[in-house]
Amino acid sequence: MHSLLRGKGLTRKVTVPVSAGLLSNTDAYFAALTSYRDGEPEPIVTMMSYAWFAAVNNGRQLVADLHGVRAG
């Protein structure tokens, strides 16, 4: 996933932990992959979208926490 993002120019200096969001519910992830393989892309696209937002929010929280630690 990370190589794909970097190769498409969607990330340059950071690695967005999208896989962590996808693997938080492996049953749903595997079901979405199965749907994709069966020609139905919507479930995996939806899961990816949620995983992106979760990863971005987690990254923002981490940065805020690190700033707090550094300031303390």
N, C-alpha and C. Protein backbone atom coordinates (compact mmCIF):
# COMPACT_ATOMS: atom_id res chain seq x y z
N MET A 1 0.82 -1.18 0.00
CA MET A 1 0.00 0.00 0.00
C MET A 1 0.87 1.26 0.00
N HIS A 2 1.89 1.26 0.84
CA HIS A 2 2.74 2.44 0.94
C HIS A 2 3.51 2.69 -0.36
N SER A 3 3.97 1.63 -0.99
CA SER A 3 4.69 1.77 -2.26
C SER A 3 3.78 2.33 -3.35
N LEU A 4 2.54 1.88 -3.36
CA LEU A 4 1.58 2.38 -4.33
C LEU A 4 1.35 3.88 -4.14
N LEU A 5 1.16 4.29 -2.91
CA LEU A 5 0.94 5.71 -2.62
C LEU A 5 2.13 6.56 -3.02
N ARG A 6 3.31 6.08 -2.68
CA ARG A 6 4.52 6.83 -3.01
C ARG A 6 4.71 6.88 -4.53
N GLY A 7 4.49 5.76 -5.20
CA GLY A 7 4.65 5.68 -6.65
C GLY A 7 3.69 6.59 -7.40
N LYS A 8 2.50 6.80 -6.85
CA LYS A 8 1.51 7.67 -7.47
C LYS A 8 1.68 9.13 -7.06
N GLY A 9 2.68 9.41 -6.21
CA GLY A 9 2.94 10.78 -5.79
C GLY A 9 1.96 11.30 -4.76
N LEU A 10 1.23 10.40 -4.10
CA LEU A 10 0.25 10.84 -3.11
C LEU A 10 0.88 11.08 -1.74
N THR A 11 2.03 10.47 -1.49
CA THR A 11 2.81 10.77 -0.29
C THR A 11 4.24 11.04 -0.73
N ARG A 12 4.91 11.90 0.00
CA ARG A 12 6.28 12.22 -0.36
C ARG A 12 7.25 11.96 0.78
N LYS A 13 6.90 12.40 1.98
CA LYS A 13 7.85 12.32 3.08
C LYS A 13 7.35 11.50 4.26
N VAL A 14 6.11 11.11 4.21
CA VAL A 14 5.56 10.38 5.35
C VAL A 14 4.95 9.06 4.89
N THR A 15 4.84 8.17 5.83
CA THR A 15 4.14 6.92 5.57
C THR A 15 2.86 6.94 6.38
N VAL A 16 1.75 6.93 5.70
CA VAL A 16 0.46 6.96 6.36
C VAL A 16 0.10 5.52 6.72
N PRO A 17 -0.16 5.24 8.01
CA PRO A 17 -0.41 3.86 8.43
C PRO A 17 -1.82 3.38 8.10
N VAL A 18 -2.12 3.32 6.82
CA VAL A 18 -3.45 2.92 6.38
C VAL A 18 -3.72 1.46 6.74
N SER A 19 -2.70 0.63 6.67
CA SER A 19 -2.89 -0.78 6.96
C SER A 19 -3.39 -1.01 8.37
N ALA A 20 -3.00 -0.18 9.32
CA ALA A 20 -3.48 -0.32 10.69
C ALA A 20 -4.99 -0.15 10.75
N GLY A 21 -5.51 0.79 10.00
CA GLY A 21 -6.95 0.99 9.95
C GLY A 21 -7.67 -0.16 9.29
N LEU A 22 -7.07 -0.72 8.26
CA LEU A 22 -7.68 -1.84 7.56
C LEU A 22 -7.68 -3.10 8.43
N LEU A 23 -6.62 -3.28 9.17
CA LEU A 23 -6.48 -4.50 9.95
C LEU A 23 -7.17 -4.43 11.31
N SER A 24 -7.78 -3.31 11.62
CA SER A 24 -8.50 -3.21 12.89
C SER A 24 -9.74 -4.09 12.90
N ASN A 25 -10.24 -4.43 11.70
CA ASN A 25 -11.38 -5.34 11.57
C ASN A 25 -11.08 -6.29 10.42
N THR A 26 -10.32 -7.33 10.72
CA THR A 26 -9.85 -8.21 9.65
C THR A 26 -10.98 -8.95 8.94
N ASP A 27 -12.05 -9.28 9.66
CA ASP A 27 -13.17 -9.97 9.01
C ASP A 27 -13.77 -9.09 7.91
N ALA A 28 -14.01 -7.83 8.23
CA ALA A 28 -14.58 -6.91 7.25
C ALA A 28 -13.59 -6.66 6.10
N TYR A 29 -12.30 -6.57 6.43
CA TYR A 29 -11.29 -6.34 5.41
C TYR A 29 -11.23 -7.51 4.42
N PHE A 30 -11.22 -8.72 4.95
CA PHE A 30 -11.17 -9.89 4.07
C PHE A 30 -12.45 -10.03 3.25
N ALA A 31 -13.59 -9.69 3.84
CA ALA A 31 -14.85 -9.72 3.10
C ALA A 31 -14.82 -8.69 1.97
N ALA A 32 -14.27 -7.51 2.26
CA ALA A 32 -14.17 -6.47 1.23
C ALA A 32 -13.23 -6.90 0.10
N LEU A 33 -12.13 -7.56 0.46
CA LEU A 33 -11.22 -8.07 -0.57
C LEU A 33 -11.89 -9.13 -1.43
N THR A 34 -12.67 -9.99 -0.80
CA THR A 34 -13.39 -11.02 -1.55
C THR A 34 -14.38 -10.37 -2.51
N SER A 35 -15.10 -9.35 -2.03
CA SER A 35 -16.04 -8.64 -2.91
C SER A 35 -15.31 -8.01 -4.09
N TYR A 36 -14.15 -7.43 -3.81
CA TYR A 36 -13.36 -6.82 -4.88
C TYR A 36 -12.95 -7.86 -5.92
N ARG A 37 -12.50 -8.99 -5.45
CA ARG A 37 -12.11 -10.07 -6.37
C ARG A 37 -13.29 -10.58 -7.17
N ASP A 38 -14.49 -10.46 -6.61
CA ASP A 38 -15.70 -10.88 -7.31
C ASP A 38 -16.26 -9.79 -8.22
N GLY A 39 -15.54 -8.67 -8.34
CA GLY A 39 -15.95 -7.61 -9.25
C GLY A 39 -16.74 -6.49 -8.60
N GLU A 40 -16.80 -6.46 -7.29
CA GLU A 40 -17.55 -5.42 -6.59
C GLU A 40 -16.56 -4.56 -5.79
N PRO A 41 -16.12 -3.42 -6.33
CA PRO A 41 -15.08 -2.62 -5.67
C PRO A 41 -15.57 -1.74 -4.52
N GLU A 42 -16.86 -1.48 -4.43
CA GLU A 42 -17.35 -0.51 -3.43
C GLU A 42 -16.94 -0.83 -1.99
N PRO A 43 -17.05 -2.07 -1.50
CA PRO A 43 -16.68 -2.32 -0.11
C PRO A 43 -15.22 -2.00 0.22
N ILE A 44 -14.30 -2.34 -0.67
CA ILE A 44 -12.89 -2.07 -0.37
C ILE A 44 -12.59 -0.58 -0.49
N VAL A 45 -13.25 0.10 -1.41
CA VAL A 45 -13.07 1.55 -1.53
C VAL A 45 -13.59 2.24 -0.28
N THR A 46 -14.72 1.79 0.21
CA THR A 46 -15.27 2.36 1.44
C THR A 46 -14.35 2.10 2.63
N MET A 47 -13.86 0.88 2.75
CA MET A 47 -12.94 0.56 3.85
C MET A 47 -11.66 1.38 3.76
N MET A 48 -11.15 1.54 2.54
CA MET A 48 -9.93 2.34 2.37
C MET A 48 -10.18 3.78 2.78
N SER A 49 -11.33 4.32 2.42
CA SER A 49 -11.65 5.70 2.78
C SER A 49 -11.66 5.88 4.29
N TYR A 50 -12.33 4.98 4.99
CA TYR A 50 -12.37 5.06 6.45
C TYR A 50 -10.97 4.88 7.05
N ALA A 51 -10.20 3.98 6.48
CA ALA A 51 -8.85 3.74 6.98
C ALA A 51 -7.96 4.97 6.79
N TRP A 52 -8.13 5.67 5.66
CA TRP A 52 -7.35 6.90 5.42
C TRP A 52 -7.65 7.95 6.47
N PHE A 53 -8.95 8.17 6.69
CA PHE A 53 -9.33 9.19 7.68
C PHE A 53 -8.84 8.81 9.08
N ALA A 54 -8.95 7.54 9.43
CA ALA A 54 -8.47 7.10 10.74
C ALA A 54 -6.96 7.30 10.85
N ALA A 55 -6.22 6.98 9.78
CA ALA A 55 -4.77 7.13 9.80
C ALA A 55 -4.37 8.59 9.92
N VAL A 56 -5.05 9.46 9.20
CA VAL A 56 -4.74 10.89 9.28
C VAL A 56 -5.04 11.42 10.68
N ASN A 57 -6.18 11.05 11.23
CA ASN A 57 -6.52 11.50 12.59
C ASN A 57 -5.53 10.97 13.61
N ASN A 58 -5.14 9.71 13.49
CA ASN A 58 -4.15 9.15 14.40
C ASN A 58 -2.81 9.86 14.27
N GLY A 59 -2.41 10.17 13.06
CA GLY A 59 -1.17 10.90 12.84
C GLY A 59 -1.20 12.29 13.44
N ARG A 60 -2.31 12.97 13.28
CA ARG A 60 -2.45 14.31 13.87
C ARG A 60 -2.39 14.25 15.39
N GLN A 61 -3.03 13.23 15.97
CA GLN A 61 -3.00 13.08 17.42
C GLN A 61 -1.59 12.79 17.90
N LEU A 62 -0.88 11.95 17.17
CA LEU A 62 0.50 11.63 17.53
C LEU A 62 1.37 12.88 17.50
N VAL A 63 1.23 13.69 16.47
CA VAL A 63 2.01 14.93 16.38
C VAL A 63 1.68 15.85 17.55
N ALA A 64 0.40 15.98 17.87
CA ALA A 64 -0.01 16.83 18.99
C ALA A 64 0.58 16.29 20.30
N ASP A 65 0.54 14.99 20.48
CA ASP A 65 1.11 14.38 21.69
C ASP A 65 2.61 14.61 21.78
N LEU A 66 3.30 14.47 20.67
CA LEU A 66 4.75 14.71 20.65
C LEU A 66 5.08 16.16 20.96
N HIS A 67 4.31 17.08 20.43
CA HIS A 67 4.51 18.49 20.75
C HIS A 67 4.31 18.74 22.25
N GLY A 68 3.31 18.09 22.82
CA GLY A 68 3.05 18.22 24.26
C GLY A 68 4.20 17.67 25.09
N VAL A 69 4.73 16.54 24.70
CA VAL A 69 5.86 15.94 25.42
C VAL A 69 7.08 16.85 25.31
N ARG A 70 7.29 17.35 24.13
CA ARG A 70 8.47 18.22 23.92
C ARG A 70 8.36 19.52 24.72
N ALA A 71 7.15 20.06 24.78
CA ALA A 71 6.94 21.31 25.53
C ALA A 71 7.07 21.07 27.03
N GLY A 72 6.77 19.85 27.47
CA GLY A 72 6.83 19.55 28.91
C GLY A 72 8.22 19.25 29.34
